[in-house]
Amino acid sequence: MSTERIILFSWLAVISLIALIVTVSDKIRAKGHKRRVRELTLFALAGLGGSAVMLLTMLIIRHKTKHVKFMLGLPIIMVMQAPVLYWLLTRLP
């Protein structure tokens, strides 16, 4: 595997882990009536590559599943990211 592919997969793994932690943290904060994570932050993490893990996490922990903005927005982001990921994977050595 090329260095570029290792960097890409490492990036996706790290951003996905961060997205998972932030999503779970927001759920815990919501239950404790504490200061929440901004929606812009959640969407930024999704846009940077954490969308699939974030959607899966939200469905598993039942967080923001009634928010159309997230239940439609995250899949839309994923659909937009798929061709970019495909393009990268076909271009990288």
PDB file of N, CA and C in Angstrom:
ATOM      1  N   MET A   1       0.857  -1.182   0.000  1.00  0.00           N
ATOM      2  CA  MET A   1       0.000   0.000   0.000  1.00  0.00           C
ATOM      3  C   MET A   1       0.895   1.234   0.000  1.00  0.00           C
ATOM      4  N   SER A   2       0.508   2.211  -0.798  1.00  0.00           N
ATOM      5  CA  SER A   2       1.316   3.428  -0.918  1.00  0.00           C
ATOM      6  C   SER A   2       1.176   4.313   0.317  1.00  0.00           C
ATOM      7  N   THR A   3       2.146   5.189   0.461  1.00  0.00           N
ATOM      8  CA  THR A   3       2.126   6.142   1.571  1.00  0.00           C
ATOM      9  C   THR A   3       0.886   7.021   1.507  1.00  0.00           C
ATOM     10  N   GLU A   4       0.500   7.413   0.302  1.00  0.00           N
ATOM     11  CA  GLU A   4      -0.672   8.278   0.142  1.00  0.00           C
ATOM     12  C   GLU A   4      -1.949   7.578   0.608  1.00  0.00           C
ATOM     13  N   ARG A   5      -2.082   6.315   0.287  1.00  0.00           N
ATOM     14  CA  ARG A   5      -3.257   5.557   0.733  1.00  0.00           C
ATOM     15  C   ARG A   5      -3.250   5.378   2.251  1.00  0.00           C
ATOM     16  N   ILE A   6      -2.083   5.145   2.820  1.00  0.00           N
ATOM     17  CA  ILE A   6      -1.972   5.015   4.277  1.00  0.00           C
ATOM     18  C   ILE A   6      -2.398   6.317   4.941  1.00  0.00           C
ATOM     19  N   ILE A   7      -1.968   7.442   4.384  1.00  0.00           N
ATOM     20  CA  ILE A   7      -2.354   8.752   4.927  1.00  0.00           C
ATOM     21  C   ILE A   7      -3.863   8.941   4.822  1.00  0.00           C
ATOM     22  N   LEU A   8      -4.441   8.609   3.674  1.00  0.00           N
ATOM     23  CA  LEU A   8      -5.887   8.744   3.474  1.00  0.00           C
ATOM     24  C   LEU A   8      -6.668   7.902   4.481  1.00  0.00           C
ATOM     25  N   PHE A   9      -6.306   6.624   4.594  1.00  0.00           N
ATOM     26  CA  PHE A   9      -7.026   5.745   5.513  1.00  0.00           C
ATOM     27  C   PHE A   9      -6.795   6.140   6.968  1.00  0.00           C
ATOM     28  N   SER A  10      -5.604   6.630   7.277  1.00  0.00           N
ATOM     29  CA  SER A  10      -5.325   7.111   8.638  1.00  0.00           C
ATOM     30  C   SER A  10      -6.184   8.330   8.956  1.00  0.00           C
ATOM     31  N   TRP A  11      -6.274   9.248   7.977  1.00  0.00           N
ATOM     32  CA  TRP A  11      -7.112  10.435   8.154  1.00  0.00           C
ATOM     33  C   TRP A  11      -8.566  10.030   8.428  1.00  0.00           C
ATOM     34  N   LEU A  12      -9.084   9.130   7.595  1.00  0.00           N
ATOM     35  CA  LEU A  12     -10.476   8.701   7.761  1.00  0.00           C
ATOM     36  C   LEU A  12     -10.685   8.009   9.105  1.00  0.00           C
ATOM     37  N   ALA A  13      -9.723   7.224   9.544  1.00  0.00           N
ATOM     38  CA  ALA A  13      -9.842   6.544  10.841  1.00  0.00           C
ATOM     39  C   ALA A  13      -9.827   7.551  11.985  1.00  0.00           C
ATOM     40  N   VAL A  14      -8.920   8.507  11.942  1.00  0.00           N
ATOM     41  CA  VAL A  14      -8.807   9.496  13.023  1.00  0.00           C
ATOM     42  C   VAL A  14     -10.035  10.397  13.055  1.00  0.00           C
ATOM     43  N   ILE A  15     -10.464  10.918  11.914  1.00  0.00           N
ATOM     44  CA  ILE A  15     -11.621  11.824  11.887  1.00  0.00           C
ATOM     45  C   ILE A  15     -12.892  11.069  12.278  1.00  0.00           C
ATOM     46  N   SER A  16     -12.978   9.796  11.923  1.00  0.00           N
ATOM     47  CA  SER A  16     -14.138   8.991  12.307  1.00  0.00           C
ATOM     48  C   SER A  16     -14.162   8.764  13.814  1.00  0.00           C
ATOM     49  N   LEU A  17     -13.001   8.507  14.401  1.00  0.00           N
ATOM     50  CA  LEU A  17     -12.922   8.329  15.848  1.00  0.00           C
ATOM     51  C   LEU A  17     -13.301   9.617  16.566  1.00  0.00           C
ATOM     52  N   ILE A  18     -12.803  10.746  16.076  1.00  0.00           N
ATOM     53  CA  ILE A  18     -13.155  12.040  16.674  1.00  0.00           C
ATOM     54  C   ILE A  18     -14.656  12.282  16.547  1.00  0.00           C
ATOM     55  N   ALA A  19     -15.225  12.000  15.380  1.00  0.00           N
ATOM     56  CA  ALA A  19     -16.667  12.183  15.168  1.00  0.00           C
ATOM     57  C   ALA A  19     -17.470  11.322  16.136  1.00  0.00           C
ATOM     58  N   LEU A  20     -17.034  10.084  16.329  1.00  0.00           N
ATOM     59  CA  LEU A  20     -17.713   9.185  17.267  1.00  0.00           C
ATOM     60  C   LEU A  20     -17.660   9.744  18.686  1.00  0.00           C
ATOM     61  N   ILE A  21     -16.482  10.157  19.123  1.00  0.00           N
ATOM     62  CA  ILE A  21     -16.317  10.686  20.483  1.00  0.00           C
ATOM     63  C   ILE A  21     -17.144  11.942  20.689  1.00  0.00           C
ATOM     64  N   VAL A  22     -17.130  12.853  19.732  1.00  0.00           N
ATOM     65  CA  VAL A  22     -17.882  14.108  19.861  1.00  0.00           C
ATOM     66  C   VAL A  22     -19.385  13.839  19.860  1.00  0.00           C
ATOM     67  N   THR A  23     -19.845  12.904  19.039  1.00  0.00           N
ATOM     68  CA  THR A  23     -21.273  12.567  18.984  1.00  0.00           C
ATOM     69  C   THR A  23     -21.737  11.967  20.307  1.00  0.00           C
ATOM     70  N   VAL A  24     -20.974  11.033  20.827  1.00  0.00           N
ATOM     71  CA  VAL A  24     -21.321  10.421  22.120  1.00  0.00           C
ATOM     72  C   VAL A  24     -21.256  11.471  23.225  1.00  0.00           C
ATOM     73  N   SER A  25     -20.258  12.332  23.168  1.00  0.00           N
ATOM     74  CA  SER A  25     -20.129  13.404  24.155  1.00  0.00           C
ATOM     75  C   SER A  25     -21.348  14.323  24.123  1.00  0.00           C
ATOM     76  N   ASP A  26     -21.826  14.656  22.937  1.00  0.00           N
ATOM     77  CA  ASP A  26     -23.007  15.514  22.823  1.00  0.00           C
ATOM     78  C   ASP A  26     -24.235  14.826  23.413  1.00  0.00           C
ATOM     79  N   LYS A  27     -24.362  13.534  23.198  1.00  0.00           N
ATOM     80  CA  LYS A  27     -25.480  12.780  23.770  1.00  0.00           C
ATOM     81  C   LYS A  27     -25.424  12.822  25.290  1.00  0.00           C
ATOM     82  N   ILE A  28     -24.233  12.613  25.851  1.00  0.00           N
ATOM     83  CA  ILE A  28     -24.068  12.642  27.310  1.00  0.00           C
ATOM     84  C   ILE A  28     -24.370  14.034  27.845  1.00  0.00           C
ATOM     85  N   ARG A  29     -23.903  15.059  27.145  1.00  0.00           N
ATOM     86  CA  ARG A  29     -24.167  16.436  27.565  1.00  0.00           C
ATOM     87  C   ARG A  29     -25.664  16.745  27.500  1.00  0.00           C
ATOM     88  N   ALA A  30     -26.339  16.231  26.494  1.00  0.00           N
ATOM     89  CA  ALA A  30     -27.785  16.464  26.364  1.00  0.00           C
ATOM     90  C   ALA A  30     -28.526  15.857  27.543  1.00  0.00           C
ATOM     91  N   LYS A  31     -28.139  14.654  27.924  1.00  0.00           N
ATOM     92  CA  LYS A  31     -28.793  14.006  29.067  1.00  0.00           C
ATOM     93  C   LYS A  31     -28.540  14.758  30.368  1.00  0.00           C
ATOM     94  N   GLY A  32     -27.339  15.342  30.489  1.00  0.00           N
ATOM     95  CA  GLY A  32     -26.982  16.059  31.711  1.00  0.00           C
ATOM     96  C   GLY A  32     -27.343  17.521  31.690  1.00  0.00           C
ATOM     97  N   HIS A  33     -28.060  17.951  30.652  1.00  0.00           N
ATOM     98  CA  HIS A  33     -28.472  19.350  30.508  1.00  0.00           C
ATOM     99  C   HIS A  33     -27.272  20.286  30.584  1.00  0.00           C
ATOM    100  N   LYS A  34     -26.186  19.907  29.935  1.00  0.00           N
ATOM    101  CA  LYS A  34     -24.966  20.709  29.911  1.00  0.00           C
ATOM    102  C   LYS A  34     -24.806  21.356  28.545  1.00  0.00           C
ATOM    103  N   ARG A  35     -23.778  22.182  28.428  1.00  0.00           N
ATOM    104  CA  ARG A  35     -23.495  22.872  27.174  1.00  0.00           C
ATOM    105  C   ARG A  35     -23.256  21.856  26.059  1.00  0.00           C
ATOM    106  N   ARG A  36     -23.925  22.051  24.943  1.00  0.00           N
ATOM    107  CA  ARG A  36     -23.921  21.086  23.841  1.00  0.00           C
ATOM    108  C   ARG A  36     -22.868  21.415  22.798  1.00  0.00           C
ATOM    109  N   VAL A  37     -22.592  20.440  21.970  1.00  0.00           N
ATOM    110  CA  VAL A  37     -21.711  20.615  20.816  1.00  0.00           C
ATOM    111  C   VAL A  37     -22.518  21.320  19.732  1.00  0.00           C
ATOM    112  N   ARG A  38     -21.922  22.297  19.104  1.00  0.00           N
ATOM    113  CA  ARG A  38     -22.630  23.037  18.049  1.00  0.00           C
ATOM    114  C   ARG A  38     -22.908  22.127  16.855  1.00  0.00           C
ATOM    115  N   GLU A  39     -24.046  22.334  16.248  1.00  0.00           N
ATOM    116  CA  GLU A  39     -24.399  21.549  15.056  1.00  0.00           C
ATOM    117  C   GLU A  39     -23.382  21.784  13.948  1.00  0.00           C
ATOM    118  N   LEU A  40     -22.870  22.992  13.845  1.00  0.00           N
ATOM    119  CA  LEU A  40     -21.862  23.295  12.838  1.00  0.00           C
ATOM    120  C   LEU A  40     -20.619  22.418  13.038  1.00  0.00           C
ATOM    121  N   THR A  41     -20.247  22.187  14.285  1.00  0.00           N
ATOM    122  CA  THR A  41     -19.101  21.326  14.591  1.00  0.00           C
ATOM    123  C   THR A  41     -19.376  19.896  14.145  1.00  0.00           C
ATOM    124  N   LEU A  42     -20.570  19.410  14.431  1.00  0.00           N
ATOM    125  CA  LEU A  42     -20.928  18.050  14.026  1.00  0.00           C
ATOM    126  C   LEU A  42     -20.904  17.910  12.502  1.00  0.00           C
ATOM    127  N   PHE A  43     -21.461  18.890  11.795  1.00  0.00           N
ATOM    128  CA  PHE A  43     -21.455  18.827  10.336  1.00  0.00           C
ATOM    129  C   PHE A  43     -20.047  18.997   9.766  1.00  0.00           C
ATOM    130  N   ALA A  44     -19.213  19.791  10.429  1.00  0.00           N
ATOM    131  CA  ALA A  44     -17.829  19.943   9.967  1.00  0.00           C
ATOM    132  C   ALA A  44     -17.088  18.607  10.074  1.00  0.00           C
ATOM    133  N   LEU A  45     -17.264  17.915  11.188  1.00  0.00           N
ATOM    134  CA  LEU A  45     -16.632  16.602  11.341  1.00  0.00           C
ATOM    135  C   LEU A  45     -17.148  15.620  10.295  1.00  0.00           C
ATOM    136  N   ALA A  46     -18.427  15.685  10.009  1.00  0.00           N
ATOM    137  CA  ALA A  46     -19.002  14.818   8.977  1.00  0.00           C
ATOM    138  C   ALA A  46     -18.403  15.153   7.617  1.00  0.00           C
ATOM    139  N   GLY A  47     -18.296  16.439   7.311  1.00  0.00           N
ATOM    140  CA  GLY A  47     -17.758  16.863   6.033  1.00  0.00           C
ATOM    141  C   GLY A  47     -16.290  16.523   5.851  1.00  0.00           C
ATOM    142  N   LEU A  48     -15.566  16.439   6.950  1.00  0.00           N
ATOM    143  CA  LEU A  48     -14.143  16.108   6.890  1.00  0.00           C
ATOM    144  C   LEU A  48     -13.892  14.613   6.753  1.00  0.00           C
ATOM    145  N   GLY A  49     -14.967  13.827   6.763  1.00  0.00           N
ATOM    146  CA  GLY A  49     -14.805  12.385   6.543  1.00  0.00           C
ATOM    147  C   GLY A  49     -15.424  11.494   7.599  1.00  0.00           C
ATOM    148  N   GLY A  50     -16.037  12.078   8.613  1.00  0.00           N
ATOM    149  CA  GLY A  50     -16.610  11.265   9.675  1.00  0.00           C
ATOM    150  C   GLY A  50     -18.098  10.997   9.539  1.00  0.00           C
ATOM    151  N   SER A  51     -18.656  11.255   8.370  1.00  0.00           N
ATOM    152  CA  SER A  51     -20.108  11.178   8.192  1.00  0.00           C
ATOM    153  C   SER A  51     -20.678   9.775   8.415  1.00  0.00           C
ATOM    154  N   ALA A  52     -20.036   8.754   7.882  1.00  0.00           N
ATOM    155  CA  ALA A  52     -20.580   7.394   8.000  1.00  0.00           C
ATOM    156  C   ALA A  52     -20.589   6.934   9.454  1.00  0.00           C
ATOM    157  N   VAL A  53     -19.487   7.146  10.147  1.00  0.00           N
ATOM    158  CA  VAL A  53     -19.406   6.737  11.555  1.00  0.00           C
ATOM    159  C   VAL A  53     -20.357   7.579  12.404  1.00  0.00           C
ATOM    160  N   MET A  54     -20.463   8.866  12.085  1.00  0.00           N
ATOM    161  CA  MET A  54     -21.360   9.733  12.852  1.00  0.00           C
ATOM    162  C   MET A  54     -22.815   9.287  12.687  1.00  0.00           C
ATOM    163  N   LEU A  55     -23.237   8.993  11.465  1.00  0.00           N
ATOM    164  CA  LEU A  55     -24.613   8.539  11.232  1.00  0.00           C
ATOM    165  C   LEU A  55     -24.862   7.221  11.954  1.00  0.00           C
ATOM    166  N   LEU A  56     -23.956   6.291  11.826  1.00  0.00           N
ATOM    167  CA  LEU A  56     -24.098   4.999  12.494  1.00  0.00           C
ATOM    168  C   LEU A  56     -24.169   5.178  14.009  1.00  0.00           C
ATOM    169  N   THR A  57     -23.307   6.028  14.552  1.00  0.00           N
ATOM    170  CA  THR A  57     -23.309   6.294  15.996  1.00  0.00           C
ATOM    171  C   THR A  57     -24.632   6.911  16.435  1.00  0.00           C
ATOM    172  N   MET A  58     -25.121   7.878  15.679  1.00  0.00           N
ATOM    173  CA  MET A  58     -26.385   8.532  16.028  1.00  0.00           C
ATOM    174  C   MET A  58     -27.536   7.533  16.024  1.00  0.00           C
ATOM    175  N   LEU A  59     -27.532   6.629  15.070  1.00  0.00           N
ATOM    176  CA  LEU A  59     -28.593   5.620  15.018  1.00  0.00           C
ATOM    177  C   LEU A  59     -28.481   4.642  16.189  1.00  0.00           C
ATOM    178  N   ILE A  60     -27.271   4.242  16.533  1.00  0.00           N
ATOM    179  CA  ILE A  60     -27.074   3.284  17.626  1.00  0.00           C
ATOM    180  C   ILE A  60     -27.447   3.882  18.976  1.00  0.00           C
ATOM    181  N   ILE A  61     -27.010   5.129  19.226  1.00  0.00           N
ATOM    182  CA  ILE A  61     -27.278   5.727  20.547  1.00  0.00           C
ATOM    183  C   ILE A  61     -28.559   6.570  20.551  1.00  0.00           C
ATOM    184  N   ARG A  62     -29.266   6.568  19.428  1.00  0.00           N
ATOM    185  CA  ARG A  62     -30.524   7.314  19.288  1.00  0.00           C
ATOM    186  C   ARG A  62     -30.349   8.792  19.634  1.00  0.00           C
ATOM    187  N   HIS A  63     -29.402   9.397  18.946  1.00  0.00           N
ATOM    188  CA  HIS A  63     -29.097  10.805  19.172  1.00  0.00           C
ATOM    189  C   HIS A  63     -29.382  11.588  17.897  1.00  0.00           C
ATOM    190  N   LYS A  64     -30.224  12.583  17.996  1.00  0.00           N
ATOM    191  CA  LYS A  64     -30.623  13.459  16.892  1.00  0.00           C
ATOM    192  C   LYS A  64     -31.331  12.706  15.759  1.00  0.00           C
ATOM    193  N   THR A  65     -31.903  11.559  16.062  1.00  0.00           N
ATOM    194  CA  THR A  65     -32.587  10.780  15.024  1.00  0.00           C
ATOM    195  C   THR A  65     -33.918  11.406  14.614  1.00  0.00           C
ATOM    196  N   LYS A  66     -34.426  12.320  15.397  1.00  0.00           N
ATOM    197  CA  LYS A  66     -35.662  13.010  15.039  1.00  0.00           C
ATOM    198  C   LYS A  66     -35.391  14.335  14.338  1.00  0.00           C
ATOM    199  N   HIS A  67     -34.112  14.651  14.163  1.00  0.00           N
ATOM    200  CA  HIS A  67     -33.720  15.887  13.497  1.00  0.00           C
ATOM    201  C   HIS A  67     -33.514  15.597  12.007  1.00  0.00           C
ATOM    202  N   VAL A  68     -34.429  16.094  11.195  1.00  0.00           N
ATOM    203  CA  VAL A  68     -34.369  15.870   9.749  1.00  0.00           C
ATOM    204  C   VAL A  68     -33.046  16.391   9.191  1.00  0.00           C
ATOM    205  N   LYS A  69     -32.565  17.484   9.759  1.00  0.00           N
ATOM    206  CA  LYS A  69     -31.316  18.082   9.312  1.00  0.00           C
ATOM    207  C   LYS A  69     -30.171  17.061   9.339  1.00  0.00           C
ATOM    208  N   PHE A  70     -30.152  16.210  10.348  1.00  0.00           N
ATOM    209  CA  PHE A  70     -29.094  15.208  10.467  1.00  0.00           C
ATOM    210  C   PHE A  70     -29.421  13.918   9.731  1.00  0.00           C
ATOM    211  N   MET A  71     -30.647  13.475   9.813  1.00  0.00           N
ATOM    212  CA  MET A  71     -31.007  12.202   9.190  1.00  0.00           C
ATOM    213  C   MET A  71     -31.030  12.283   7.660  1.00  0.00           C
ATOM    214  N   LEU A  72     -31.180  13.473   7.113  1.00  0.00           N
ATOM    215  CA  LEU A  72     -31.048  13.660   5.668  1.00  0.00           C
ATOM    216  C   LEU A  72     -29.678  14.230   5.310  1.00  0.00           C
ATOM    217  N   GLY A  73     -29.199  15.138   6.153  1.00  0.00           N
ATOM    218  CA  GLY A  73     -27.935  15.820   5.877  1.00  0.00           C
ATOM    219  C   GLY A  73     -26.737  14.890   5.833  1.00  0.00           C
ATOM    220  N   LEU A  74     -26.637  13.988   6.800  1.00  0.00           N
ATOM    221  CA  LEU A  74     -25.485  13.084   6.827  1.00  0.00           C
ATOM    222  C   LEU A  74     -25.459  12.135   5.625  1.00  0.00           C
ATOM    223  N   PRO A  75     -26.587  11.509   5.266  1.00  0.00           N
ATOM    224  CA  PRO A  75     -26.555  10.694   4.045  1.00  0.00           C
ATOM    225  C   PRO A  75     -26.228  11.504   2.785  1.00  0.00           C
ATOM    226  N   ILE A  76     -26.690  12.744   2.715  1.00  0.00           N
ATOM    227  CA  ILE A  76     -26.371  13.586   1.562  1.00  0.00           C
ATOM    228  C   ILE A  76     -24.866  13.855   1.513  1.00  0.00           C
ATOM    229  N   ILE A  77     -24.284  14.142   2.665  1.00  0.00           N
ATOM    230  CA  ILE A  77     -22.836  14.344   2.730  1.00  0.00           C
ATOM    231  C   ILE A  77     -22.113  13.087   2.274  1.00  0.00           C
ATOM    232  N   MET A  78     -22.586  11.922   2.708  1.00  0.00           N
ATOM    233  CA  MET A  78     -21.958  10.662   2.326  1.00  0.00           C
ATOM    234  C   MET A  78     -22.034  10.441   0.813  1.00  0.00           C
ATOM    235  N   VAL A  79     -23.166  10.760   0.220  1.00  0.00           N
ATOM    236  CA  VAL A  79     -23.332  10.605  -1.228  1.00  0.00           C
ATOM    237  C   VAL A  79     -22.381  11.551  -1.970  1.00  0.00           C
ATOM    238  N   MET A  80     -22.178  12.736  -1.425  1.00  0.00           N
ATOM    239  CA  MET A  80     -21.263  13.682  -2.047  1.00  0.00           C
ATOM    240  C   MET A  80     -19.801  13.249  -1.862  1.00  0.00           C
ATOM    241  N   GLN A  81     -19.501  12.603  -0.755  1.00  0.00           N
ATOM    242  CA  GLN A  81     -18.135  12.169  -0.482  1.00  0.00           C
ATOM    243  C   GLN A  81     -17.749  10.914  -1.271  1.00  0.00           C
ATOM    244  N   ALA A  82     -18.705  10.082  -1.598  1.00  0.00           N
ATOM    245  CA  ALA A  82     -18.414   8.807  -2.267  1.00  0.00           C
ATOM    246  C   ALA A  82     -17.639   8.990  -3.576  1.00  0.00           C
ATOM    247  N   PRO A  83     -18.065   9.863  -4.479  1.00  0.00           N
ATOM    248  CA  PRO A  83     -17.288  10.012  -5.711  1.00  0.00           C
ATOM    249  C   PRO A  83     -15.889  10.590  -5.472  1.00  0.00           C
ATOM    250  N   VAL A  84     -15.768  11.450  -4.476  1.00  0.00           N
ATOM    251  CA  VAL A  84     -14.457  12.015  -4.154  1.00  0.00           C
ATOM    252  C   VAL A  84     -13.531  10.914  -3.648  1.00  0.00           C
ATOM    253  N   LEU A  85     -14.047  10.062  -2.772  1.00  0.00           N
ATOM    254  CA  LEU A  85     -13.257   8.944  -2.259  1.00  0.00           C
ATOM    255  C   LEU A  85     -12.889   7.987  -3.388  1.00  0.00           C
ATOM    256  N   TYR A  86     -13.843   7.704  -4.251  1.00  0.00           N
ATOM    257  CA  TYR A  86     -13.566   6.832  -5.401  1.00  0.00           C
ATOM    258  C   TYR A  86     -12.485   7.442  -6.286  1.00  0.00           C
ATOM    259  N   TRP A  87     -12.608   8.726  -6.564  1.00  0.00           N
ATOM    260  CA  TRP A  87     -11.629   9.410  -7.395  1.00  0.00           C
ATOM    261  C   TRP A  87     -10.241   9.327  -6.756  1.00  0.00           C
ATOM    262  N   LEU A  88     -10.168   9.587  -5.453  1.00  0.00           N
ATOM    263  CA  LEU A  88      -8.876   9.505  -4.767  1.00  0.00           C
ATOM    264  C   LEU A  88      -8.289   8.108  -4.847  1.00  0.00           C
ATOM    265  N   LEU A  89      -9.125   7.107  -4.598  1.00  0.00           N
ATOM    266  CA  LEU A  89      -8.629   5.741  -4.581  1.00  0.00           C
ATOM    267  C   LEU A  89      -8.186   5.263  -5.971  1.00  0.00           C
ATOM    268  N   THR A  90      -8.781   5.804  -7.019  1.00  0.00           N
ATOM    269  CA  THR A  90      -8.358   5.409  -8.364  1.00  0.00           C
ATOM    270  C   THR A  90      -7.142   6.190  -8.840  1.00  0.00           C
ATOM    271  N   ARG A  91      -6.830   7.303  -8.189  1.00  0.00           N
ATOM    272  CA  ARG A  91      -5.689   8.125  -8.589  1.00  0.00           C
ATOM    273  C   ARG A  91      -4.447   7.862  -7.759  1.00  0.00           C
ATOM    274  N   LEU A  92      -4.624   7.452  -6.525  1.00  0.00           N
ATOM    275  CA  LEU A  92      -3.461   7.227  -5.656  1.00  0.00           C
ATOM    276  C   LEU A  92      -2.765   5.933  -6.029  1.00  0.00           C
ATOM    277  N   PRO A  93      -1.442   5.954  -5.965  1.00  0.00           N
ATOM    278  CA  PRO A  93      -0.696   4.719  -6.300  1.00  0.00           C
ATOM    279  C   PRO A  93      -0.931   3.604  -5.293  1.00  0.00           C
TER     280      PRO A  93
END
